[in-house]
Amino acid sequence: MEEAREFLEVFEIERPVVLATAFGGSVALLLAAHHPEAIGCLVLVSTVARYVHTRSIAVLDRLGGAEAGEIATRYFAEP
């Protein structure tokens, strides 16, 4: 997060639109929380504040059946 603020400072970028996806959203949220003056606008796409594999597995199991849950379990164990 500090590295992102320093990047903006070094390149003299003032109040940019910050677009963040996936895990980058966590970094962008920290930047916005700790240095709100550093960004002009924050856009988050498909991001989560915290990711819990077991929740994803449970949803896949419920929506896609036992086979989908088993595939997800194997994937998260060894992507």
Protein backbone atom coordinates (compact mmCIF):
# COMPACT_ATOMS: atom_id res chain seq x y z
CA MET A 1 0.00 0.00 0.00
CA GLU A 2 2.82 2.43 0.84
CA GLU A 3 4.55 1.39 -2.37
CA ALA A 4 1.45 2.41 -4.34
CA ARG A 5 1.42 5.85 -2.70
CA GLU A 6 5.15 6.25 -3.32
CA PHE A 7 4.65 5.26 -6.98
CA LEU A 8 2.12 8.06 -7.40
CA GLU A 9 4.44 10.51 -5.69
CA VAL A 10 7.57 9.57 -7.68
CA PHE A 11 5.77 9.88 -11.02
CA GLU A 12 3.93 13.03 -9.89
CA ILE A 13 0.53 11.47 -10.52
CA GLU A 14 -2.14 13.52 -8.78
CA ARG A 15 -5.50 12.08 -7.77
CA PRO A 16 -5.76 9.33 -10.44
CA VAL A 17 -8.70 7.07 -11.11
CA VAL A 18 -7.61 3.81 -9.51
CA LEU A 19 -9.07 0.71 -11.19
CA ALA A 20 -8.47 -2.50 -9.25
CA THR A 21 -9.51 -6.07 -9.95
CA ALA A 22 -9.39 -9.27 -7.91
CA PHE A 23 -6.81 -9.12 -5.09
CA GLY A 24 -5.64 -5.70 -6.30
CA GLY A 25 -8.88 -4.40 -4.84
CA SER A 26 -7.54 -5.11 -1.37
CA VAL A 27 -4.47 -3.01 -2.08
CA ALA A 28 -6.58 -0.22 -3.56
CA LEU A 29 -8.93 -0.24 -0.56
CA LEU A 30 -5.98 0.09 1.80
CA LEU A 31 -4.59 2.94 -0.27
CA ALA A 32 -7.96 4.72 -0.21
CA ALA A 33 -8.39 4.15 3.53
CA HIS A 34 -4.92 5.34 4.52
CA HIS A 35 -4.37 8.02 1.87
CA PRO A 36 -7.78 9.20 0.60
CA GLU A 37 -6.19 12.43 -0.65
CA ALA A 38 -3.99 10.42 -3.04
CA ILE A 39 -6.78 9.18 -5.32
CA GLY A 40 -9.48 10.89 -7.31
CA CYS A 41 -11.79 7.93 -7.82
CA LEU A 42 -11.77 4.27 -6.85
CA VAL A 43 -13.24 1.59 -9.14
CA LEU A 44 -13.34 -2.00 -7.85
CA VAL A 45 -14.11 -4.94 -10.16
CA SER A 46 -14.62 -8.51 -8.95
CA THR A 47 -12.79 -7.92 -5.72
CA VAL A 48 -13.27 -9.13 -2.19
CA ALA A 49 -12.04 -7.87 1.16
CA ARG A 50 -11.36 -11.40 2.33
CA TYR A 51 -11.43 -14.70 0.47
CA VAL A 52 -12.36 -17.96 2.18
CA HIS A 53 -11.94 -21.14 0.08
CA THR A 54 -14.41 -23.15 2.15
CA ARG A 55 -17.21 -20.70 1.35
CA SER A 56 -16.50 -20.93 -2.36
CA ILE A 57 -16.43 -24.71 -2.19
CA ALA A 58 -19.76 -24.78 -0.34
CA VAL A 59 -21.41 -22.54 -2.95
CA LEU A 60 -20.02 -24.58 -5.84
CA ASP A 61 -21.17 -27.76 -4.13
CA ARG A 62 -24.65 -26.33 -3.63
CA LEU A 63 -25.02 -24.87 -7.13
CA GLY A 64 -23.04 -27.35 -9.19
CA GLY A 65 -23.44 -30.53 -7.20
CA ALA A 66 -21.00 -32.74 -5.35
CA GLU A 67 -18.71 -33.13 -8.36
CA ALA A 68 -18.24 -29.34 -8.65
CA GLY A 69 -17.46 -29.15 -4.94
CA GLU A 70 -14.89 -31.95 -5.23
CA ILE A 71 -13.20 -30.29 -8.22
CA ALA A 72 -13.01 -27.00 -6.33
CA THR A 73 -11.57 -28.75 -3.26
CA ARG A 74 -8.84 -30.33 -5.39
CA TYR A 75 -8.13 -27.04 -7.15
CA PHE A 76 -7.74 -25.04 -3.96
CA ALA A 77 -5.53 -27.75 -2.46
CA GLU A 78 -3.21 -27.69 -5.50
CA PRO A 79 -4.03 -24.98 -8.06
